[in-house]
Amino acid sequence: MSALDLANIPSNINTYERLFVWAGQCLQSIANGQTTSVLENQGAIPTAQVQVGVLADNSDRFIVTAYVPLSQADLNDPDNKTWMAAQDISESAPNTNLLSN
């Protein structure tokens, strides 16, 4: 597990959307090429990735995908918030370029 230090969240992240994209980029960084088999008999895909795409309406969008392991016991624990069921992807820390403005 790479512990999150809230002080490492860049100070210019001031919306939930920016926080979401930043967190996705951090997950992509710590996954460091790790892949996950999502569908049987199909190739593995990145465990976490942030891409940029153009939608049908010609708008640019971030596409954030992550397959975060979870604990069913924690997920079903009435005393826990849902996000507390998330398990570690890696023991790595994000690349340092993600930890500053």
Protein backbone atom coordinates (compact mmCIF):
# COMPACT_ATOMS: atom_id res chain seq x y z
CA MET A 1 0.00 0.00 0.00
CA SER A 2 1.14 3.48 -0.78
CA ALA A 3 -0.34 5.70 1.90
CA LEU A 4 -2.00 8.90 0.74
CA ASP A 5 -0.59 12.06 2.28
CA LEU A 6 -3.30 14.69 1.81
CA ALA A 7 -0.56 17.34 1.74
CA ASN A 8 0.63 15.80 -1.57
CA ILE A 9 -2.60 16.70 -3.38
CA PRO A 10 -1.57 19.65 -5.56
CA SER A 11 -3.04 22.89 -4.24
CA ASN A 12 -4.50 23.85 -7.64
CA ILE A 13 -6.89 20.88 -7.52
CA ASN A 14 -10.06 22.70 -6.53
CA THR A 15 -12.92 20.62 -7.97
CA TYR A 16 -14.08 17.02 -7.59
CA GLU A 17 -13.53 16.53 -11.32
CA ARG A 18 -9.88 17.58 -11.09
CA LEU A 19 -9.43 15.45 -7.98
CA PHE A 20 -10.92 12.47 -9.86
CA VAL A 21 -8.61 12.86 -12.86
CA TRP A 22 -5.58 13.41 -10.60
CA ALA A 23 -6.45 10.31 -8.52
CA GLY A 24 -6.84 8.30 -11.75
CA GLN A 25 -3.43 9.45 -12.92
CA CYS A 26 -1.94 8.47 -9.54
CA LEU A 27 -3.54 5.01 -9.81
CA GLN A 28 -2.18 4.66 -13.34
CA SER A 29 1.26 5.63 -12.05
CA ILE A 30 1.28 3.17 -9.13
CA ALA A 31 -0.14 0.37 -11.29
CA ASN A 32 2.95 0.86 -13.48
CA GLY A 33 1.83 -1.27 -16.42
CA GLN A 34 -0.08 -3.83 -14.35
CA THR A 35 -2.93 -5.47 -16.27
CA THR A 36 -6.23 -7.07 -15.32
CA SER A 37 -8.23 -9.78 -17.09
CA VAL A 38 -11.75 -8.40 -17.25
CA LEU A 39 -13.40 -10.77 -19.72
CA GLU A 40 -12.73 -14.48 -20.06
CA ASN A 41 -10.71 -15.43 -23.16
CA GLN A 42 -9.91 -11.78 -23.87
CA GLY A 43 -6.63 -9.93 -23.56
CA ALA A 44 -5.79 -8.21 -20.30
CA ILE A 45 -6.19 -4.45 -20.10
CA PRO A 46 -4.45 -1.85 -17.93
CA THR A 47 -5.52 -1.98 -14.28
CA ALA A 48 -5.75 1.82 -14.27
CA GLN A 49 -5.52 4.34 -17.06
CA VAL A 50 -6.46 7.88 -17.94
CA GLN A 51 -7.04 8.61 -21.60
CA VAL A 52 -8.27 11.57 -23.61
CA GLY A 53 -10.97 11.02 -26.17
CA VAL A 54 -13.29 12.95 -28.46
CA LEU A 55 -16.98 12.10 -28.14
CA ALA A 56 -19.63 12.00 -30.85
CA ASP A 57 -20.55 15.62 -30.08
CA ASN A 58 -16.91 16.57 -30.76
CA SER A 59 -16.20 17.38 -27.10
CA ASP A 60 -12.90 16.39 -25.51
CA ARG A 61 -13.20 14.18 -22.42
CA PHE A 62 -11.03 12.36 -19.94
CA ILE A 63 -11.74 8.63 -19.85
CA VAL A 64 -10.75 7.26 -16.44
CA THR A 65 -10.77 3.51 -15.94
CA ALA A 66 -9.61 1.59 -12.88
CA TYR A 67 -10.17 -1.95 -11.66
CA VAL A 68 -9.61 -1.57 -7.92
CA PRO A 69 -9.65 -4.78 -5.88
CA LEU A 70 -12.16 -4.80 -3.05
CA SER A 71 -12.90 -6.67 0.15
CA GLN A 72 -16.43 -8.12 0.16
CA ALA A 73 -16.35 -8.27 3.96
CA ASP A 74 -15.55 -4.56 4.18
CA LEU A 75 -18.08 -3.75 1.47
CA ASN A 76 -20.84 -5.48 3.43
CA ASP A 77 -19.79 -4.09 6.82
CA PRO A 78 -22.58 -1.70 7.93
CA ASP A 79 -20.06 0.25 10.03
CA ASN A 80 -17.83 1.09 7.02
CA LYS A 81 -18.24 3.58 4.21
CA THR A 82 -18.24 1.92 0.77
CA TRP A 83 -14.83 3.29 -0.24
CA MET A 84 -13.20 1.60 2.75
CA ALA A 85 -13.59 -1.73 0.90
CA ALA A 86 -10.97 -0.67 -1.66
CA GLN A 87 -7.80 -2.74 -1.58
CA ASP A 88 -4.33 -1.81 -2.76
CA ILE A 89 -3.33 -2.00 -6.41
CA SER A 90 0.35 -1.66 -5.59
CA GLU A 91 2.87 -0.76 -2.92
CA SER A 92 4.42 1.89 -5.17
CA ALA A 93 4.12 5.63 -4.72
CA PRO A 94 2.90 7.85 -7.57
CA ASN A 95 5.49 9.52 -9.76
CA THR A 96 6.70 12.69 -8.06
CA ASN A 97 5.55 14.87 -10.98
CA LEU A 98 1.98 14.14 -9.86
CA LEU A 99 2.61 15.48 -6.36
CA SER A 100 3.07 19.16 -7.19
CA ASN A 101 1.36 21.94 -9.15
